[in-house]
Amino acid sequence: MQNPTKQAQILPTTGTIDTPIGPLTFEGGYPTSESVAKLYDQLDFQRAVQTYLWAIPLVSFACWQEAQETVFGQEDGDLVLITSFRDRLGVLTCNATTPYLMGFLNLQRTGPLVIDYPKGMTAGGILDFWQRPITDLGLTGPDQGAGGKYLVIAPGQEVPQGAEGYRVVHSPTNNLFHALRVLATDPQEAEALSASYQAYSYADRENPRKTRIIPAADKPWSGWPANVLEYWRLLAKMLNEEPVHERDRMMVAMLKSLGIEKGKPFQPDARQQKILEQGAIVGEAMARSLTYAKRQPEAYTWPGTNWANMIQLEANQETEHYTALDERTAWFYEAVTLSAGMTTKTPGMGQQYMSTKKDKVGNWLQGGNHYTLNVPPNVPVKQFWAMTLYDTETRCFIDNPHEIAGLDSRMDLITNADGSVDLYFGPTAPTGKEKNWIPTVPGRGWFALFRFYAPTEPYFDRTWSLPDIEKII
């Protein structure tokens, strides 16, 4: 029996309709076989794009972990020491001066893990594999520089008997990132503090394996998947190693039709492989748009300029009503790790990151051009400021024979009479201004990151600002 009330129809009962994915044909209300195939392909393609964006922080860490294990021979509890320009070419938007001591581990392999943290001038931390901070260590952590033993517990693990005296930390993921930064300026003290850091299985506490500090030694490596299918292989690997959190269940459901399912090997058929490849290409292009052309008006801190605050989310990646998906995608596509110190709004604490991808007239920054930036006097920082350039495609240092990636206020820069500093960017140095120059490479785009270390009130109340980068020739 027909419904006597005629409803407005979007799709034809019989016939063809043009849509953004091409024509769709119906017969008696049913989509034809050809249209069904097209719709399923489009459904899975859209799911591939969206899950690509969702998984960026997880896959980024998974790729980095695999590189440290295969390139540097890092085992659970070890730290890799990254110091030189060449060492840093694999790290997304790292700074140009601070030595890094960083490692990855898997709590299902180690069982409950002890981190015996040294007393002294250090800052460290533990992040889960969605790059959310679990706890700080050292001066900014619960020990406040006094050191002590932390006991890290994975999902499903019990706190062992006899664990009194440990600071117990529960991790929402099995895989972890842990890092140490030595703040002591005396080289011998710094070396002693680094050597004192120990991470080992609680079960081996009576005779623990010694944590190794492994120099990166200029070995070439990359912290980003080498090809599109590698991205999905790493995601499938992580899905099998990690619990599925409630907030992610719908996204994990989208992966099933793409050949990625918890508890099963990653073996996409030819159709799925093609869709995954296409989804990764479009997904990364969307990630670049979210990163390099932010559409949140609040990101542009100084009205009338192209400088944007790189971090548009809190350390836990949540807002009152939703997970900060676009903001998370933008940050973790061009960077790694996030902490409370990087998001604090307290003057004189932490860091702030401003980035620009365009010059004063709104054109993308290109490596074959010459540019200048006037850094006004009295930069609002208690510690120092730093300017670093990165390659648009790799999001790492611009690989150049001069091995120069950045400049900072602690260097012997040429200063103007009013206290301002003119910086220069281009494939060749301006005569007499070599101290203030950062090289670029023709044919490759680049972007700039200006770091404020311990920013003061004029940064937050916007009474101080950076002008745009200007093209010279």
Protein backbone atom coordinates (compact mmCIF):
# COMPACT_ATOMS: atom_id res chain seq x y z
CA MET A 1 0.00 0.00 0.00
CA GLN A 2 1.39 3.35 -1.03
CA ASN A 3 1.85 6.15 1.47
CA PRO A 4 -0.86 8.71 0.61
CA THR A 5 1.44 11.52 1.79
CA LYS A 6 3.94 12.31 -0.95
CA GLN A 7 7.40 12.90 0.50
CA ALA A 8 9.97 15.14 -1.16
CA GLN A 9 12.51 12.92 -2.92
CA ILE A 10 16.22 13.58 -3.28
CA LEU A 11 17.05 10.41 -5.19
CA PRO A 12 15.07 9.39 -8.26
CA THR A 13 12.91 6.27 -8.17
CA THR A 14 14.19 5.39 -11.61
CA GLY A 15 16.82 7.35 -13.47
CA THR A 16 20.20 9.02 -13.00
CA ILE A 17 21.29 11.90 -10.79
CA ASP A 18 24.54 13.85 -10.96
CA THR A 19 26.50 14.02 -7.70
CA PRO A 20 29.97 15.21 -6.59
CA ILE A 21 31.20 11.60 -7.04
CA GLY A 22 29.70 11.25 -10.51
CA PRO A 23 26.35 10.01 -11.84
CA LEU A 24 24.34 7.53 -9.77
CA THR A 25 21.61 5.44 -11.37
CA PHE A 26 18.52 3.90 -9.69
CA GLU A 27 15.94 1.38 -10.80
CA GLY A 28 12.72 1.25 -8.80
CA GLY A 29 14.50 2.98 -5.92
CA TYR A 30 17.44 0.55 -5.90
CA PRO A 31 20.95 1.69 -6.87
CA THR A 32 22.26 -0.25 -9.87
CA SER A 33 25.19 -2.65 -9.41
CA GLU A 34 27.53 -0.07 -10.94
CA SER A 35 26.31 2.60 -8.55
CA VAL A 36 26.64 0.27 -5.55
CA ALA A 37 30.27 -0.42 -6.46
CA LYS A 38 30.95 3.30 -6.91
CA LEU A 39 29.30 4.16 -3.59
CA TYR A 40 31.25 1.53 -1.67
CA ASP A 41 34.52 2.70 -3.21
CA GLN A 42 33.69 6.26 -2.28
CA LEU A 43 32.60 5.27 1.23
CA ASP A 44 35.87 3.46 1.85
CA PHE A 45 37.93 6.26 0.29
CA GLN A 46 36.30 8.82 2.59
CA ARG A 47 36.94 6.54 5.55
CA ALA A 48 40.58 6.16 4.51
CA VAL A 49 41.05 9.94 4.39
CA GLN A 50 39.43 10.56 7.77
CA THR A 51 41.21 7.71 9.55
CA TYR A 52 44.49 8.93 8.08
CA LEU A 53 43.96 12.32 9.75
CA TRP A 54 42.81 10.74 13.01
CA ALA A 55 45.83 8.42 13.26
CA ILE A 56 48.62 10.95 12.62
CA PRO A 57 49.91 11.23 16.24
CA LEU A 58 49.86 7.45 16.70
CA VAL A 59 51.55 6.59 13.40
CA SER A 60 54.13 9.33 13.83
CA PHE A 61 55.32 7.80 17.11
CA ALA A 62 55.14 4.27 15.66
CA CYS A 63 57.41 5.27 12.77
CA TRP A 64 59.86 7.01 15.09
CA GLN A 65 59.95 4.02 17.43
CA GLU A 66 60.65 1.62 14.58
CA ALA A 67 63.43 3.87 13.27
CA GLN A 68 65.13 4.03 16.67
CA GLU A 69 64.95 0.27 17.04
CA THR A 70 66.15 -0.60 13.53
CA VAL A 71 68.58 2.25 12.77
CA PHE A 72 70.08 2.80 16.22
CA GLY A 73 69.52 -0.60 17.82
CA GLN A 74 67.53 0.89 20.70
CA GLU A 75 65.95 -1.64 23.07
CA ASP A 76 63.31 -1.12 25.74
CA GLY A 77 64.63 1.41 28.24
CA ASP A 78 67.47 2.77 26.10
CA LEU A 79 67.77 6.41 25.07
CA VAL A 80 69.09 7.73 21.77
CA LEU A 81 71.28 10.85 22.01
CA ILE A 82 70.61 13.36 19.25
CA THR A 83 73.02 16.28 19.13
CA SER A 84 74.22 17.21 15.62
CA PHE A 85 72.53 18.83 12.63
CA ARG A 86 72.60 15.47 10.80
CA ASP A 87 71.10 13.63 13.79
CA ARG A 88 68.14 16.01 13.80
CA LEU A 89 67.21 15.58 10.13
CA GLY A 90 64.76 12.85 11.12
CA VAL A 91 62.94 14.77 13.89
CA LEU A 92 59.90 16.86 13.00
CA THR A 93 60.47 20.55 13.82
CA CYS A 94 63.06 19.95 16.50
CA ASN A 95 65.03 22.88 17.88
CA ALA A 96 68.53 23.54 16.64
CA THR A 97 70.50 23.63 19.88
CA THR A 98 69.14 21.41 22.65
CA PRO A 99 70.57 17.87 22.89
CA TYR A 100 67.81 15.26 22.90
CA LEU A 101 67.78 12.02 24.89
CA MET A 102 64.74 10.06 23.77
CA GLY A 103 63.51 6.49 23.76
CA PHE A 104 60.55 4.19 23.22
CA LEU A 105 59.45 1.03 24.99
CA ASN A 106 56.63 -1.47 25.17
CA LEU A 107 55.19 -2.31 28.61
CA GLN A 108 53.82 -5.62 27.37
CA ARG A 109 57.39 -6.68 26.72
CA THR A 110 58.86 -5.26 29.93
CA GLY A 111 55.98 -5.70 32.35
CA PRO A 112 55.63 -2.93 34.96
CA LEU A 113 58.56 -0.58 34.36
CA VAL A 114 60.79 1.31 36.76
CA ILE A 115 62.23 4.67 35.79
CA ASP A 116 64.96 5.54 38.27
CA TYR A 117 65.16 9.27 37.72
CA PRO A 118 68.26 11.25 38.75
CA LYS A 119 68.32 14.16 41.15
CA GLY A 120 69.43 17.43 39.62
CA MET A 121 68.83 20.03 36.92
CA THR A 122 66.84 17.99 34.45
CA ALA A 123 63.46 17.97 32.75
CA GLY A 124 61.88 14.81 31.36
CA GLY A 125 58.60 13.18 30.67
CA ILE A 126 56.56 10.19 29.58
CA LEU A 127 53.99 10.34 26.78
CA ASP A 128 51.51 7.73 25.64
CA PHE A 129 51.39 6.74 21.97
CA TRP A 130 48.71 9.29 21.13
CA GLN A 131 51.37 11.80 22.26
CA ARG A 132 49.48 12.80 25.39
CA PRO A 133 51.60 13.49 28.48
CA ILE A 134 51.34 10.91 31.27
CA THR A 135 53.71 12.61 33.69
CA ASP A 136 56.58 15.05 33.70
CA LEU A 137 59.85 14.02 35.31
CA GLY A 138 62.50 16.12 37.03
CA LEU A 139 62.05 19.83 37.78
CA THR A 140 58.57 20.00 36.22
CA GLY A 141 57.46 16.60 37.55
CA PRO A 142 56.20 15.36 40.90
CA ASP A 143 59.77 14.88 42.16
CA GLN A 144 60.53 18.59 41.46
CA GLY A 145 64.17 17.83 40.78
CA ALA A 146 64.69 15.56 43.77
CA GLY A 147 64.70 12.43 41.62
CA GLY A 148 63.17 9.13 42.62
CA LYS A 149 61.70 5.92 41.29
CA TYR A 150 58.63 5.89 39.08
CA LEU A 151 56.67 2.70 38.41
CA VAL A 152 54.81 2.73 35.08
CA ILE A 153 51.84 0.37 34.72
CA ALA A 154 50.26 -0.62 31.39
CA PRO A 155 46.54 -1.17 30.70
CA GLY A 156 45.50 -4.44 32.35
CA GLN A 157 48.61 -4.70 34.52
CA GLU A 158 48.40 -4.78 38.31
CA VAL A 159 50.60 -2.77 40.63
CA PRO A 160 53.08 -5.37 41.95
CA GLN A 161 53.28 -6.32 45.59
CA GLY A 162 56.02 -4.45 47.44
CA ALA A 163 55.84 -1.35 45.25
CA GLU A 164 55.72 1.02 48.21
CA GLY A 165 58.05 3.97 47.77
CA TYR A 166 57.50 4.20 44.01
CA ARG A 167 55.56 6.95 42.29
CA VAL A 168 52.98 4.84 40.44
CA VAL A 169 52.00 6.07 36.98
CA HIS A 170 49.26 4.40 34.92
CA SER A 171 49.65 4.51 31.14
CA PRO A 172 46.65 4.30 28.78
CA THR A 173 48.85 2.68 26.10
CA ASN A 174 51.31 -0.21 26.07
CA ASN A 175 53.90 1.67 24.03
CA LEU A 176 55.52 4.72 25.56
CA PHE A 177 57.84 7.58 24.71
CA HIS A 178 60.24 8.72 27.43
CA ALA A 179 62.77 11.52 27.30
CA LEU A 180 65.35 13.39 29.35
CA ARG A 181 66.73 16.88 28.93
CA VAL A 182 69.72 17.85 31.03
CA LEU A 183 69.63 21.52 32.04
CA ALA A 184 72.96 21.57 33.87
CA THR A 185 75.56 23.58 31.94
CA ASP A 186 78.65 21.84 33.30
CA PRO A 187 79.53 19.06 30.78
CA GLN A 188 80.70 16.60 33.43
CA GLU A 189 77.57 17.13 35.52
CA ALA A 190 75.39 16.76 32.43
CA GLU A 191 77.09 13.51 31.47
CA ALA A 192 76.73 12.13 35.00
CA LEU A 193 73.02 13.01 35.11
CA SER A 194 72.41 11.33 31.75
CA ALA A 195 74.23 8.19 32.86
CA SER A 196 72.17 8.08 36.06
CA TYR A 197 68.86 7.74 34.22
CA GLN A 198 67.72 4.11 34.34
CA ALA A 199 64.64 2.39 32.90
CA TYR A 200 64.13 -1.33 33.52
CA SER A 201 61.57 -4.02 34.26
CA TYR A 202 60.29 -4.10 37.84
CA ALA A 203 60.76 -7.88 37.74
CA ASP A 204 64.51 -7.31 37.20
CA ARG A 205 64.88 -4.64 39.89
CA GLU A 206 67.39 -6.69 41.90
CA ASN A 207 69.70 -6.98 38.92
CA PRO A 208 68.44 -4.48 36.34
CA ARG A 209 69.66 -4.12 32.79
CA LYS A 210 71.62 -0.88 32.43
CA THR A 211 70.03 1.74 30.22
CA ARG A 212 72.24 2.55 27.26
CA ILE A 213 72.78 6.06 25.89
CA ILE A 214 73.13 5.44 22.14
CA PRO A 215 74.65 8.27 20.05
CA ALA A 216 72.74 8.80 16.82
CA ALA A 217 76.15 9.34 15.18
CA ASP A 218 74.80 11.11 12.07
CA LYS A 219 73.04 7.99 10.78
CA PRO A 220 70.37 8.87 8.22
CA TRP A 221 66.84 8.17 9.41
CA SER A 222 63.30 9.50 9.08
CA GLY A 223 60.55 10.01 11.63
CA TRP A 224 57.79 9.83 9.01
CA PRO A 225 56.56 6.81 6.99
CA ALA A 226 58.50 6.35 3.78
CA ASN A 227 55.46 5.60 1.58
CA VAL A 228 51.69 5.57 1.72
CA LEU A 229 51.20 1.87 2.47
CA GLU A 230 53.83 2.06 5.20
CA TYR A 231 51.53 4.48 7.02
CA TRP A 232 48.72 1.91 7.09
CA ARG A 233 51.05 -0.95 8.02
CA LEU A 234 52.17 1.00 11.08
CA LEU A 235 48.58 1.86 11.99
CA ALA A 236 47.58 -1.82 11.76
CA LYS A 237 50.59 -2.73 13.91
CA MET A 238 49.60 -0.22 16.59
CA LEU A 239 45.96 -1.31 16.51
CA ASN A 240 47.11 -4.83 17.37
CA GLU A 241 49.41 -3.66 20.15
CA GLU A 242 47.18 -1.09 21.83
CA PRO A 243 43.78 -1.11 23.54
CA VAL A 244 40.96 0.66 21.71
CA HIS A 245 39.76 3.58 23.79
CA GLU A 246 36.11 4.51 23.94
CA ARG A 247 36.63 7.76 22.07
CA ASP A 248 38.17 5.88 19.11
CA ARG A 249 35.76 2.98 18.60
CA MET A 250 33.92 4.63 15.71
CA MET A 251 37.16 5.41 13.90
CA VAL A 252 38.40 1.84 14.38
CA ALA A 253 35.11 0.61 12.87
CA MET A 254 35.88 2.60 9.72
CA LEU A 255 39.13 0.69 9.25
CA LYS A 256 37.53 -2.74 8.97
CA SER A 257 36.40 -2.34 5.37
CA LEU A 258 39.92 -1.12 4.54
CA GLY A 259 41.53 -4.39 5.64
CA ILE A 260 42.70 -3.13 9.03
CA GLU A 261 41.12 -4.97 11.95
CA LYS A 262 42.33 -5.60 15.47
CA GLY A 263 43.60 -9.14 15.92
CA LYS A 264 44.17 -9.72 12.21
CA PRO A 265 47.24 -9.29 9.96
CA PHE A 266 47.46 -6.37 7.56
CA GLN A 267 46.76 -7.99 4.21
CA PRO A 268 44.68 -5.59 2.07
CA ASP A 269 43.40 -6.92 -1.22
CA ALA A 270 44.07 -5.07 -4.48
CA ARG A 271 40.95 -2.91 -4.18
CA GLN A 272 41.68 -1.98 -0.56
CA GLN A 273 45.33 -1.28 -1.33
CA LYS A 274 44.38 1.16 -4.09
CA ILE A 275 41.91 2.96 -1.83
CA LEU A 276 44.43 3.13 1.03
CA GLU A 277 47.03 4.62 -1.30
CA GLN A 278 44.59 7.22 -2.61
CA GLY A 279 43.31 7.97 0.89
CA ALA A 280 46.81 8.56 2.21
CA ILE A 281 47.64 10.96 -0.63
CA VAL A 282 44.51 13.05 -0.09
CA GLY A 283 44.80 12.69 3.69
CA GLU A 284 48.31 14.09 3.74
CA ALA A 285 47.29 16.91 1.40
CA MET A 286 44.48 17.77 3.83
CA ALA A 287 46.90 17.58 6.76
CA ARG A 288 49.16 20.08 5.01
CA SER A 289 46.21 22.41 4.48
CA LEU A 290 45.20 22.16 8.14
CA THR A 291 48.81 22.81 9.13
CA TYR A 292 50.01 25.43 6.68
CA ALA A 293 46.76 27.34 6.04
CA LYS A 294 45.01 27.26 9.40
CA ARG A 295 41.38 28.29 9.15
CA GLN A 296 40.81 29.02 12.85
CA PRO A 297 40.76 32.83 13.14
CA GLU A 298 42.04 32.59 16.71
CA ALA A 299 45.29 31.01 15.48
CA TYR A 300 46.46 34.33 14.05
CA THR A 301 47.75 35.96 17.20
CA TRP A 302 48.91 39.26 15.73
CA PRO A 303 46.19 40.79 13.50
CA GLY A 304 47.41 41.84 10.09
CA THR A 305 50.31 39.35 9.98
CA ASN A 306 50.74 35.79 8.75
CA TRP A 307 52.17 34.52 12.04
CA ALA A 308 50.03 31.79 13.63
CA ASN A 309 50.19 30.00 16.96
CA MET A 310 51.25 26.45 16.05
CA ILE A 311 49.55 24.86 19.05
CA GLN A 312 45.78 25.26 19.07
CA LEU A 313 45.01 22.55 21.61
CA GLU A 314 45.61 21.57 25.21
CA ALA A 315 48.11 18.88 26.18
CA ASN A 316 45.32 16.30 26.70
CA GLN A 317 43.95 17.08 23.18
CA GLU A 318 40.41 17.53 24.51
CA THR A 319 37.90 20.38 24.66
CA GLU A 320 34.69 20.55 26.66
CA HIS A 321 32.62 18.87 23.97
CA TYR A 322 34.98 17.10 21.56
CA THR A 323 38.50 15.89 20.85
CA ALA A 324 40.46 18.63 19.08
CA LEU A 325 40.77 16.68 15.81
CA ASP A 326 41.77 19.39 13.32
CA GLU A 327 44.02 21.11 15.82
CA ARG A 328 45.66 17.80 16.76
CA THR A 329 46.16 16.90 13.11
CA ALA A 330 47.79 20.25 12.35
CA TRP A 331 50.23 20.06 15.25
CA PHE A 332 51.27 16.44 14.96
CA TYR A 333 51.69 16.58 11.19
CA GLU A 334 54.49 19.11 11.61
CA ALA A 335 55.76 18.29 15.11
CA VAL A 336 56.14 15.59 17.75
CA THR A 337 55.32 15.54 21.47
CA LEU A 338 53.18 17.91 23.49
CA SER A 339 53.37 18.92 27.12
CA ALA A 340 51.74 21.29 29.59
CA GLY A 341 54.82 23.49 29.35
CA MET A 342 54.17 23.99 25.65
CA THR A 343 50.57 25.08 26.20
CA THR A 344 50.82 27.08 29.42
CA LYS A 345 49.54 30.66 29.45
CA THR A 346 51.48 31.58 32.60
CA PRO A 347 54.03 34.36 31.94
CA GLY A 348 57.62 33.36 32.54
CA MET A 349 56.90 29.63 32.18
CA GLY A 350 57.19 27.07 29.40
CA GLN A 351 57.43 27.89 25.72
CA GLN A 352 55.32 29.40 22.98
CA TYR A 353 55.59 28.62 19.25
CA MET A 354 54.72 31.01 16.45
CA SER A 355 55.01 29.94 12.83
CA THR A 356 54.67 31.52 9.42
CA LYS A 357 54.50 30.01 5.96
CA LYS A 358 53.94 33.20 3.95
CA ASP A 359 55.70 36.49 3.32
CA LYS A 360 54.25 39.95 3.91
CA VAL A 361 52.22 39.98 0.69
CA GLY A 362 50.79 36.51 1.32
CA ASN A 363 52.96 34.36 -0.94
CA TRP A 364 54.31 30.99 0.23
CA LEU A 365 57.94 31.08 1.35
CA GLN A 366 60.18 29.58 -1.35
CA GLY A 367 63.80 28.46 -1.14
CA GLY A 368 64.99 30.29 -4.25
CA ASN A 369 64.02 33.73 -2.94
CA HIS A 370 65.78 36.04 -0.48
CA TYR A 371 63.91 37.33 2.57
CA THR A 372 64.48 39.34 5.72
CA LEU A 373 62.79 39.59 9.12
CA ASN A 374 63.26 42.42 11.59
CA VAL A 375 62.99 41.06 15.14
CA PRO A 376 61.98 44.09 17.24
CA PRO A 377 63.91 44.92 20.42
CA ASN A 378 62.95 43.64 23.85
CA VAL A 379 61.68 40.22 22.79
CA PRO A 380 59.42 39.19 25.71
CA VAL A 381 61.35 36.19 27.08
CA LYS A 382 62.99 35.40 30.41
CA GLN A 383 65.35 32.91 28.77
CA PHE A 384 65.93 33.31 25.01
CA TRP A 385 64.28 33.35 21.61
CA ALA A 386 65.08 31.14 18.61
CA MET A 387 64.27 31.25 14.91
CA THR A 388 64.42 27.96 12.96
CA LEU A 389 63.54 27.05 9.37
CA TYR A 390 62.06 23.76 8.17
CA ASP A 391 61.42 22.02 4.87
CA THR A 392 57.75 22.02 3.89
CA GLU A 393 57.70 18.39 2.79
CA THR A 394 59.80 16.75 5.52
CA ARG A 395 58.92 19.18 8.34
CA CYS A 396 62.55 18.70 9.40
CA PHE A 397 65.59 20.92 9.02
CA ILE A 398 66.35 22.15 5.51
CA ASP A 399 69.10 19.79 4.39
CA ASN A 400 71.87 22.16 3.34
CA PRO A 401 75.67 21.88 3.08
CA HIS A 402 76.19 24.68 5.61
CA GLU A 403 74.36 22.61 8.25
CA ILE A 404 72.67 25.73 9.60
CA ALA A 405 69.02 25.44 10.63
CA GLY A 406 68.42 28.31 13.02
CA LEU A 407 69.63 31.28 15.02
CA ASP A 408 68.89 32.37 18.56
CA SER A 409 69.45 35.30 20.90
CA ARG A 410 72.29 33.55 22.72
CA MET A 411 74.42 33.72 19.57
CA ASP A 412 76.73 36.54 18.51
CA LEU A 413 74.22 38.15 16.16
CA ILE A 414 74.59 41.55 14.52
CA THR A 415 72.28 43.91 16.41
CA ASN A 416 70.90 47.23 15.19
CA ALA A 417 71.29 50.47 17.14
CA ASP A 418 67.70 50.27 18.42
CA GLY A 419 68.24 46.72 19.74
CA SER A 420 66.38 45.02 16.91
CA VAL A 421 67.92 42.20 14.88
CA ASP A 422 67.62 41.68 11.12
CA LEU A 423 67.58 38.03 10.09
CA TYR A 424 68.13 36.86 6.51
CA PHE A 425 66.90 33.77 4.66
CA GLY A 426 67.90 32.64 1.19
CA PRO A 427 70.17 30.38 -0.85
CA THR A 428 73.17 32.70 -0.36
CA ALA A 429 74.26 34.87 2.55
CA PRO A 430 74.13 38.66 2.29
CA THR A 431 77.61 40.16 2.35
CA GLY A 432 78.59 41.20 5.85
CA LYS A 433 75.45 39.66 7.37
CA GLU A 434 76.56 36.02 7.41
CA LYS A 435 76.08 35.75 11.21
CA ASN A 436 72.38 36.56 10.79
CA TRP A 437 71.68 34.21 7.86
CA ILE A 438 69.83 30.88 7.62
CA PRO A 439 70.21 29.09 4.26
CA THR A 440 67.35 27.83 2.10
CA VAL A 441 67.39 25.54 -0.95
CA PRO A 442 66.01 26.59 -4.35
CA GLY A 443 63.06 24.55 -5.52
CA ARG A 444 61.86 23.69 -2.01
CA GLY A 445 59.32 25.51 0.11
CA TRP A 446 60.09 26.27 3.75
CA PHE A 447 58.42 27.60 6.87
CA ALA A 448 59.67 29.39 9.95
CA LEU A 449 59.18 28.72 13.65
CA PHE A 450 59.90 31.44 16.22
CA ARG A 451 60.22 30.03 19.74
CA PHE A 452 59.73 32.03 22.92
CA TYR A 453 61.41 30.37 25.91
CA ALA A 454 59.72 31.48 29.15
CA PRO A 455 57.62 34.19 27.43
CA THR A 456 56.70 37.21 29.52
CA GLU A 457 53.56 39.36 29.78
CA PRO A 458 54.06 41.45 26.59
CA TYR A 459 53.81 38.24 24.57
CA PHE A 460 50.48 37.29 26.12
CA ASP A 461 48.88 40.75 26.13
CA ARG A 462 50.01 41.28 22.50
CA THR A 463 51.81 44.57 23.20
CA TRP A 464 54.83 43.04 21.42
CA SER A 465 54.60 41.36 18.04
CA LEU A 466 56.67 40.16 15.10
CA PRO A 467 56.28 41.75 11.68
CA ASP A 468 55.94 39.58 8.60
CA ILE A 469 58.89 38.19 6.69
CA GLU A 470 59.58 40.37 3.64
CA LYS A 471 60.90 39.27 0.27
CA ILE A 472 64.01 41.15 -0.86
CA ILE A 473 64.63 39.59 -4.27
